[in-house]
Amino acid sequence: RDTLAFDRAAELYALLVDLAPDPEGRRAWQVALGDALVNCGRGYEAAASYRAALAVTTGDEVIELERRAAAELIRAGYLEEASEMLRRLLPKVGVRPPGGHLQAIATLLTYRGLIALRGLRVRPRPEAEVPRDILERIDVLVSIAPPLTLISLPRGLALNMKAVWHALNAGEPKRAAVALALFGSTVTMNGTRTFDGAIRAVRLAKELAAPLGDAWTTARTELAEGIC
């Protein structure tokens, strides 16, 4: 029933896109259409809607829409188109696009080593105190890495570790909690020898998430605990 409701919403948003009298109004409805399509599992169409909105989008929202479009293309299995978007998007947030498997494994091991050296401690900082470009970098990595892991494990895990590294250093609680949850989910793949470390990361994530009262962040930490 919920899926049918989202399908109906998508139909109505598509109609509003056609009826919008100006480019700005069309862009807003195009983004809303993309969100509705995501909710009913039509990822490729959602990505197309976000990309259509990019034609009349400027400023920071360009990165946001490219992030959403790339994530949906990956989830829908259109890796070639997603890779093309990532080659344009990632340099905008100061990240080198993932290369082949060997390069991705080298990146993964490098960041895994850096995290091992610094530890999982977080010095919480309000979002307003963290530079905008760093927040954008973390948001892009957190959005792209998990779905990419399902299709290209080394490249997804490499971006996962980059996300964790930058989020821990930034200290913004919501992003740090999600990053720690990602870290726990990732290292538990190594088996029982890393289980204690994975659980510790997830517990730290839940401690950071608890006072935030944010349902999405809490859900990410609960999911990570279930995976572990």
C-alpha atoms as a PDB file:
ATOM      1  CA  ARG A   1       0.000   0.000   0.000  1.00  0.00           C
ATOM      2  CA  ASP A   2       2.804   2.410   0.898  1.00  0.00           C
ATOM      3  CA  THR A   3       4.564   1.669  -2.398  1.00  0.00           C
ATOM      4  CA  LEU A   4       1.379   2.398  -4.326  1.00  0.00           C
ATOM      5  CA  ALA A   5       1.063   5.704  -2.456  1.00  0.00           C
ATOM      6  CA  PHE A   6       4.590   6.684  -3.456  1.00  0.00           C
ATOM      7  CA  ASP A   7       3.872   5.691  -7.062  1.00  0.00           C
ATOM      8  CA  ARG A   8       0.815   7.926  -6.998  1.00  0.00           C
ATOM      9  CA  ALA A   9       2.863  10.755  -5.490  1.00  0.00           C
ATOM     10  CA  ALA A  10       5.440  10.328  -8.267  1.00  0.00           C
ATOM     11  CA  GLU A  11       2.693  10.611 -10.881  1.00  0.00           C
ATOM     12  CA  LEU A  12       1.439  13.841  -9.312  1.00  0.00           C
ATOM     13  CA  TYR A  13       4.926  15.337  -9.023  1.00  0.00           C
ATOM     14  CA  ALA A  14       5.592  14.482 -12.681  1.00  0.00           C
ATOM     15  CA  LEU A  15       2.402  16.376 -13.577  1.00  0.00           C
ATOM     16  CA  LEU A  16       3.527  19.365 -11.507  1.00  0.00           C
ATOM     17  CA  VAL A  17       6.891  19.359 -13.290  1.00  0.00           C
ATOM     18  CA  ASP A  18       5.057  19.690 -16.615  1.00  0.00           C
ATOM     19  CA  LEU A  19       2.788  22.444 -15.278  1.00  0.00           C
ATOM     20  CA  ALA A  20       5.429  24.523 -13.474  1.00  0.00           C
ATOM     21  CA  PRO A  21       5.436  28.041 -14.981  1.00  0.00           C
ATOM     22  CA  ASP A  22       9.109  28.848 -14.287  1.00  0.00           C
ATOM     23  CA  PRO A  23      12.491  27.016 -14.138  1.00  0.00           C
ATOM     24  CA  GLU A  24      12.844  27.383 -10.361  1.00  0.00           C
ATOM     25  CA  GLY A  25       9.428  25.880  -9.725  1.00  0.00           C
ATOM     26  CA  ARG A  26      10.160  23.070 -12.163  1.00  0.00           C
ATOM     27  CA  ARG A  27      13.442  22.348 -10.401  1.00  0.00           C
ATOM     28  CA  ALA A  28      11.732  22.086  -6.984  1.00  0.00           C
ATOM     29  CA  TRP A  29       9.111  19.660  -8.302  1.00  0.00           C
ATOM     30  CA  GLN A  30      11.803  17.700 -10.153  1.00  0.00           C
ATOM     31  CA  VAL A  31      13.659  17.140  -6.871  1.00  0.00           C
ATOM     32  CA  ALA A  32      10.415  16.165  -5.112  1.00  0.00           C
ATOM     33  CA  LEU A  33       9.715  13.728  -7.955  1.00  0.00           C
ATOM     34  CA  GLY A  34      13.145  12.192  -7.472  1.00  0.00           C
ATOM     35  CA  ASP A  35      12.507  11.734  -3.739  1.00  0.00           C
ATOM     36  CA  ALA A  36       9.159  10.037  -4.431  1.00  0.00           C
ATOM     37  CA  LEU A  37      10.764   7.710  -6.969  1.00  0.00           C
ATOM     38  CA  VAL A  38      13.452   6.760  -4.428  1.00  0.00           C
ATOM     39  CA  ASN A  39      10.745   5.871  -1.905  1.00  0.00           C
ATOM     40  CA  CYS A  40       9.047   3.500  -4.330  1.00  0.00           C
ATOM     41  CA  GLY A  41      12.300   1.805  -5.355  1.00  0.00           C
ATOM     42  CA  ARG A  42      12.665   3.301  -8.840  1.00  0.00           C
ATOM     43  CA  GLY A  43      16.286   4.324  -8.463  1.00  0.00           C
ATOM     44  CA  TYR A  44      17.229   4.828 -12.093  1.00  0.00           C
ATOM     45  CA  GLU A  45      14.236   7.099 -12.703  1.00  0.00           C
ATOM     46  CA  ALA A  46      15.004   8.982  -9.475  1.00  0.00           C
ATOM     47  CA  ALA A  47      18.561   9.601 -10.658  1.00  0.00           C
ATOM     48  CA  ALA A  48      17.237  10.876 -13.983  1.00  0.00           C
ATOM     49  CA  SER A  49      14.949  13.294 -12.151  1.00  0.00           C
ATOM     50  CA  TYR A  50      17.771  14.614  -9.974  1.00  0.00           C
ATOM     51  CA  ARG A  51      19.977  15.049 -13.038  1.00  0.00           C
ATOM     52  CA  ALA A  52      17.206  16.926 -14.837  1.00  0.00           C
ATOM     53  CA  ALA A  53      17.022  19.322 -11.868  1.00  0.00           C
ATOM     54  CA  LEU A  54      20.770  19.961 -12.134  1.00  0.00           C
ATOM     55  CA  ALA A  55      20.237  21.948 -15.330  1.00  0.00           C
ATOM     56  CA  VAL A  56      18.831  24.868 -13.305  1.00  0.00           C
ATOM     57  CA  THR A  57      20.665  24.294 -10.004  1.00  0.00           C
ATOM     58  CA  THR A  58      23.578  26.348  -8.679  1.00  0.00           C
ATOM     59  CA  GLY A  59      25.716  26.525  -5.556  1.00  0.00           C
ATOM     60  CA  ASP A  60      26.027  23.834  -2.912  1.00  0.00           C
ATOM     61  CA  GLU A  61      22.860  22.064  -4.048  1.00  0.00           C
ATOM     62  CA  VAL A  62      24.651  20.890  -7.203  1.00  0.00           C
ATOM     63  CA  ILE A  63      26.800  18.577  -5.086  1.00  0.00           C
ATOM     64  CA  GLU A  64      23.763  17.438  -3.103  1.00  0.00           C
ATOM     65  CA  LEU A  65      21.815  16.463  -6.231  1.00  0.00           C
ATOM     66  CA  GLU A  66      24.831  14.799  -7.845  1.00  0.00           C
ATOM     67  CA  ARG A  67      25.333  12.834  -4.621  1.00  0.00           C
ATOM     68  CA  ARG A  68      21.738  11.614  -4.642  1.00  0.00           C
ATOM     69  CA  ALA A  69      21.808  10.762  -8.337  1.00  0.00           C
ATOM     70  CA  ALA A  70      25.061   8.803  -8.086  1.00  0.00           C
ATOM     71  CA  ALA A  71      23.859   6.836  -5.043  1.00  0.00           C
ATOM     72  CA  GLU A  72      20.629   5.846  -6.805  1.00  0.00           C
ATOM     73  CA  LEU A  73      22.465   4.810  -9.977  1.00  0.00           C
ATOM     74  CA  ILE A  74      24.700   2.555  -7.883  1.00  0.00           C
ATOM     75  CA  ARG A  75      21.754   1.018  -6.026  1.00  0.00           C
ATOM     76  CA  ALA A  76      19.973   0.408  -9.324  1.00  0.00           C
ATOM     77  CA  GLY A  77      23.060  -1.350 -10.725  1.00  0.00           C
ATOM     78  CA  TYR A  78      24.019   1.223 -13.372  1.00  0.00           C
ATOM     79  CA  LEU A  79      27.671   1.242 -12.371  1.00  0.00           C
ATOM     80  CA  GLU A  80      29.050   2.677 -15.621  1.00  0.00           C
ATOM     81  CA  GLU A  81      26.815   5.756 -15.441  1.00  0.00           C
ATOM     82  CA  ALA A  82      27.458   6.060 -11.698  1.00  0.00           C
ATOM     83  CA  SER A  83      31.220   5.880 -12.250  1.00  0.00           C
ATOM     84  CA  GLU A  84      31.004   8.720 -14.756  1.00  0.00           C
ATOM     85  CA  MET A  85      29.133  10.845 -12.218  1.00  0.00           C
ATOM     86  CA  LEU A  86      31.614   9.947  -9.472  1.00  0.00           C
ATOM     87  CA  ARG A  87      34.528  11.026 -11.664  1.00  0.00           C
ATOM     88  CA  ARG A  88      32.940  14.484 -11.781  1.00  0.00           C
ATOM     89  CA  LEU A  89      31.546  14.618  -8.257  1.00  0.00           C
ATOM     90  CA  LEU A  90      34.325  13.272  -6.029  1.00  0.00           C
ATOM     91  CA  PRO A  91      37.007  15.811  -7.071  1.00  0.00           C
ATOM     92  CA  LYS A  92      34.555  18.594  -6.168  1.00  0.00           C
ATOM     93  CA  VAL A  93      34.680  17.425  -2.534  1.00  0.00           C
ATOM     94  CA  GLY A  94      38.421  16.735  -2.514  1.00  0.00           C
ATOM     95  CA  VAL A  95      38.297  12.963  -3.014  1.00  0.00           C
ATOM     96  CA  ARG A  96      40.136  11.017  -5.688  1.00  0.00           C
ATOM     97  CA  PRO A  97      37.726   8.706  -7.553  1.00  0.00           C
ATOM     98  CA  PRO A  98      38.277   5.011  -6.748  1.00  0.00           C
ATOM     99  CA  GLY A  99      40.446   3.294  -9.330  1.00  0.00           C
ATOM    100  CA  GLY A 100      40.914  -0.404 -10.006  1.00  0.00           C
ATOM    101  CA  HIS A 101      40.815  -3.157  -7.411  1.00  0.00           C
ATOM    102  CA  LEU A 102      44.504  -2.979  -6.473  1.00  0.00           C
ATOM    103  CA  GLN A 103      44.441   0.782  -6.038  1.00  0.00           C
ATOM    104  CA  ALA A 104      41.248   0.519  -4.009  1.00  0.00           C
ATOM    105  CA  ILE A 105      42.780  -2.134  -1.744  1.00  0.00           C
ATOM    106  CA  ALA A 106      45.859   0.072  -1.221  1.00  0.00           C
ATOM    107  CA  THR A 107      43.599   3.009  -0.293  1.00  0.00           C
ATOM    108  CA  LEU A 108      41.578   0.802   2.049  1.00  0.00           C
ATOM    109  CA  LEU A 109      44.680  -0.456   3.861  1.00  0.00           C
ATOM    110  CA  THR A 110      46.133   3.065   4.098  1.00  0.00           C
ATOM    111  CA  TYR A 111      43.065   4.548   5.752  1.00  0.00           C
ATOM    112  CA  ARG A 112      42.554   1.465   7.913  1.00  0.00           C
ATOM    113  CA  GLY A 113      46.096   1.977   9.195  1.00  0.00           C
ATOM    114  CA  LEU A 114      45.534   5.691   9.812  1.00  0.00           C
ATOM    115  CA  ILE A 115      42.378   4.953  11.791  1.00  0.00           C
ATOM    116  CA  ALA A 116      44.203   2.298  13.825  1.00  0.00           C
ATOM    117  CA  LEU A 117      46.870   4.873  14.716  1.00  0.00           C
ATOM    118  CA  ARG A 118      44.440   7.669  15.694  1.00  0.00           C
ATOM    119  CA  GLY A 119      41.900   5.434  17.412  1.00  0.00           C
ATOM    120  CA  LEU A 120      38.120   5.857  17.394  1.00  0.00           C
ATOM    121  CA  ARG A 121      37.954   8.775  19.818  1.00  0.00           C
ATOM    122  CA  VAL A 122      35.742  11.683  18.820  1.00  0.00           C
ATOM    123  CA  ARG A 123      35.966  15.237  20.089  1.00  0.00           C
ATOM    124  CA  PRO A 124      32.405  16.464  19.415  1.00  0.00           C
ATOM    125  CA  ARG A 125      32.055  19.777  17.598  1.00  0.00           C
ATOM    126  CA  PRO A 126      28.880  21.618  16.562  1.00  0.00           C
ATOM    127  CA  GLU A 127      28.114  21.394  12.855  1.00  0.00           C
ATOM    128  CA  ALA A 128      28.510  25.179  12.525  1.00  0.00           C
ATOM    129  CA  GLU A 129      32.170  24.900  13.577  1.00  0.00           C
ATOM    130  CA  VAL A 130      33.086  22.388  10.860  1.00  0.00           C
ATOM    131  CA  PRO A 131      33.981  23.829   7.423  1.00  0.00           C
ATOM    132  CA  ARG A 132      31.245  23.332   4.857  1.00  0.00           C
ATOM    133  CA  ASP A 133      33.541  21.576   2.362  1.00  0.00           C
ATOM    134  CA  ILE A 134      34.456  18.921   4.935  1.00  0.00           C
ATOM    135  CA  LEU A 135      30.802  18.261   5.747  1.00  0.00           C
ATOM    136  CA  GLU A 136      30.030  17.898   2.026  1.00  0.00           C
ATOM    137  CA  ARG A 137      32.927  15.462   1.632  1.00  0.00           C
ATOM    138  CA  ILE A 138      31.662  13.292   4.483  1.00  0.00           C
ATOM    139  CA  ASP A 139      28.063  13.361   3.230  1.00  0.00           C
ATOM    140  CA  VAL A 140      29.102  12.303  -0.267  1.00  0.00           C
ATOM    141  CA  LEU A 141      31.301   9.467   0.998  1.00  0.00           C
ATOM    142  CA  VAL A 142      28.697   8.162   3.466  1.00  0.00           C
ATOM    143  CA  SER A 143      26.039   8.227   0.747  1.00  0.00           C
ATOM    144  CA  ILE A 144      28.135   6.584  -1.974  1.00  0.00           C
ATOM    145  CA  ALA A 145      30.254   4.015  -0.115  1.00  0.00           C
ATOM    146  CA  PRO A 146      27.640   1.536   1.260  1.00  0.00           C
ATOM    147  CA  PRO A 147      25.782   0.925  -2.042  1.00  0.00           C
ATOM    148  CA  LEU A 148      29.083   0.824  -3.944  1.00  0.00           C
ATOM    149  CA  THR A 149      30.252  -1.936  -1.575  1.00  0.00           C
ATOM    150  CA  LEU A 150      27.435  -4.163  -2.838  1.00  0.00           C
ATOM    151  CA  ILE A 151      28.707  -3.891  -6.415  1.00  0.00           C
ATOM    152  CA  SER A 152      32.458  -3.307  -6.100  1.00  0.00           C
ATOM    153  CA  LEU A 153      33.625  -4.421  -2.650  1.00  0.00           C
ATOM    154  CA  PRO A 154      37.212  -3.009  -2.665  1.00  0.00           C
ATOM    155  CA  ARG A 155      36.149   0.400  -3.981  1.00  0.00           C
ATOM    156  CA  GLY A 156      33.199   0.626  -1.623  1.00  0.00           C
ATOM    157  CA  LEU A 157      35.277  -0.322   1.412  1.00  0.00           C
ATOM    158  CA  ALA A 158      37.999   2.175   0.418  1.00  0.00           C
ATOM    159  CA  LEU A 159      35.457   4.998   0.357  1.00  0.00           C
ATOM    160  CA  ASN A 160      33.959   3.656   3.607  1.00  0.00           C
ATOM    161  CA  MET A 161      37.292   4.049   5.373  1.00  0.00           C
ATOM    162  CA  LYS A 162      37.785   7.534   3.912  1.00  0.00           C
ATOM    163  CA  ALA A 163      34.365   8.500   5.248  1.00  0.00           C
ATOM    164  CA  VAL A 164      35.241   7.187   8.713  1.00  0.00           C
ATOM    165  CA  TRP A 165      38.584   9.010   8.762  1.00  0.00           C
ATOM    166  CA  HIS A 166      37.155  12.383   7.797  1.00  0.00           C
ATOM    167  CA  ALA A 167      34.084  12.079  10.058  1.00  0.00           C
ATOM    168  CA  LEU A 168      36.098  11.135  13.143  1.00  0.00           C
ATOM    169  CA  ASN A 169      38.454  14.065  12.575  1.00  0.00           C
ATOM    170  CA  ALA A 170      35.595  16.499  11.925  1.00  0.00           C
ATOM    171  CA  GLY A 171      33.839  15.533  15.157  1.00  0.00           C
ATOM    172  CA  GLU A 172      30.302  16.528  14.110  1.00  0.00           C
ATOM    173  CA  PRO A 173      28.267  14.075  16.256  1.00  0.00           C
ATOM    174  CA  LYS A 174      25.677  12.898  13.725  1.00  0.00           C
ATOM    175  CA  ARG A 175      28.225  12.188  10.996  1.00  0.00           C
ATOM    176  CA  ALA A 176      30.707  10.692  13.466  1.00  0.00           C
ATOM    177  CA  ALA A 177      28.028   8.311  14.802  1.00  0.00           C
ATOM    178  CA  VAL A 178      27.150   7.151  11.287  1.00  0.00           C
ATOM    179  CA  ALA A 179      30.857   6.778  10.447  1.00  0.00           C
ATOM    180  CA  LEU A 180      31.494   4.645  13.534  1.00  0.00           C
ATOM    181  CA  ALA A 181      28.513   2.492  12.593  1.00  0.00           C
ATOM    182  CA  LEU A 182      29.983   2.103   9.106  1.00  0.00           C
ATOM    183  CA  PHE A 183      33.336   1.191  10.618  1.00  0.00           C
ATOM    184  CA  GLY A 184      31.807  -1.481  12.829  1.00  0.00           C
ATOM    185  CA  SER A 185      29.854  -2.955   9.918  1.00  0.00           C
ATOM    186  CA  THR A 186      32.977  -2.998   7.767  1.00  0.00           C
ATOM    187  CA  VAL A 187      35.551  -4.497  10.128  1.00  0.00           C
ATOM    188  CA  THR A 188      33.168  -7.241  11.303  1.00  0.00           C
ATOM    189  CA  MET A 189      33.594  -8.734   7.812  1.00  0.00           C
ATOM    190  CA  ASN A 190      37.035  -9.858   8.932  1.00  0.00           C
ATOM    191  CA  GLY A 191      35.521 -12.442  11.258  1.00  0.00           C
ATOM    192  CA  THR A 192      35.650 -13.139  14.969  1.00  0.00           C
ATOM    193  CA  ARG A 193      39.151 -11.707  15.461  1.00  0.00           C
ATOM    194  CA  THR A 194      37.820  -8.195  14.831  1.00  0.00           C
ATOM    195  CA  PHE A 195      34.466  -8.664  16.558  1.00  0.00           C
ATOM    196  CA  ASP A 196      35.418  -6.837  19.769  1.00  0.00           C
ATOM    197  CA  GLY A 197      36.639  -3.819  17.828  1.00  0.00           C
ATOM    198  CA  ALA A 198      33.496  -3.756  15.713  1.00  0.00           C
ATOM    199  CA  ILE A 199      31.216  -3.888  18.753  1.00  0.00           C
ATOM    200  CA  ARG A 200      33.232  -1.144  20.466  1.00  0.00           C
ATOM    201  CA  ALA A 201      32.811   1.097  17.412  1.00  0.00           C
ATOM    202  CA  VAL A 202      29.060   0.494  17.309  1.00  0.00           C
ATOM    203  CA  ARG A 203      28.705   1.197  21.032  1.00  0.00           C
ATOM    204  CA  LEU A 204      30.551   4.487  20.599  1.00  0.00           C
ATOM    205  CA  ALA A 205      28.235   5.258  17.670  1.00  0.00           C
ATOM    206  CA  LYS A 206      25.156   4.605  19.799  1.00  0.00           C
ATOM    207  CA  GLU A 207      26.524   6.802  22.609  1.00  0.00           C
ATOM    208  CA  LEU A 208      26.981   9.670  20.155  1.00  0.00           C
ATOM    209  CA  ALA A 209      23.575   9.122  18.544  1.00  0.00           C
ATOM    210  CA  ALA A 210      21.534   8.812  21.773  1.00  0.00           C
ATOM    211  CA  PRO A 211      21.392  12.524  22.749  1.00  0.00           C
ATOM    212  CA  LEU A 212      20.757  13.677  19.174  1.00  0.00           C
ATOM    213  CA  GLY A 213      17.196  12.350  18.991  1.00  0.00           C
ATOM    214  CA  ASP A 214      17.615  11.783  15.245  1.00  0.00           C
ATOM    215  CA  ALA A 215      15.726   8.715  14.019  1.00  0.00           C
ATOM    216  CA  TRP A 216      17.857   8.207  10.886  1.00  0.00           C
ATOM    217  CA  THR A 217      21.136   8.257  12.832  1.00  0.00           C
ATOM    218  CA  THR A 218      19.754   5.928  15.494  1.00  0.00           C
ATOM    219  CA  ALA A 219      18.552   3.526  12.800  1.00  0.00           C
ATOM    220  CA  ARG A 220      22.011   3.437  11.211  1.00  0.00           C
ATOM    221  CA  THR A 221      23.606   2.509  14.529  1.00  0.00           C
ATOM    222  CA  GLU A 222      20.952  -0.160  15.255  1.00  0.00           C
ATOM    223  CA  LEU A 223      21.472  -1.640  11.780  1.00  0.00           C
ATOM    224  CA  ALA A 224      25.235  -1.771  12.340  1.00  0.00           C
ATOM    225  CA  GLU A 225      24.725  -3.544  15.657  1.00  0.00           C
ATOM    226  CA  GLY A 226      22.497  -6.097  13.936  1.00  0.00           C
ATOM    227  CA  ILE A 227      25.117  -6.675  11.226  1.00  0.00           C
ATOM    228  CA  CYS A 228      27.816  -7.234  13.841  1.00  0.00           C
END
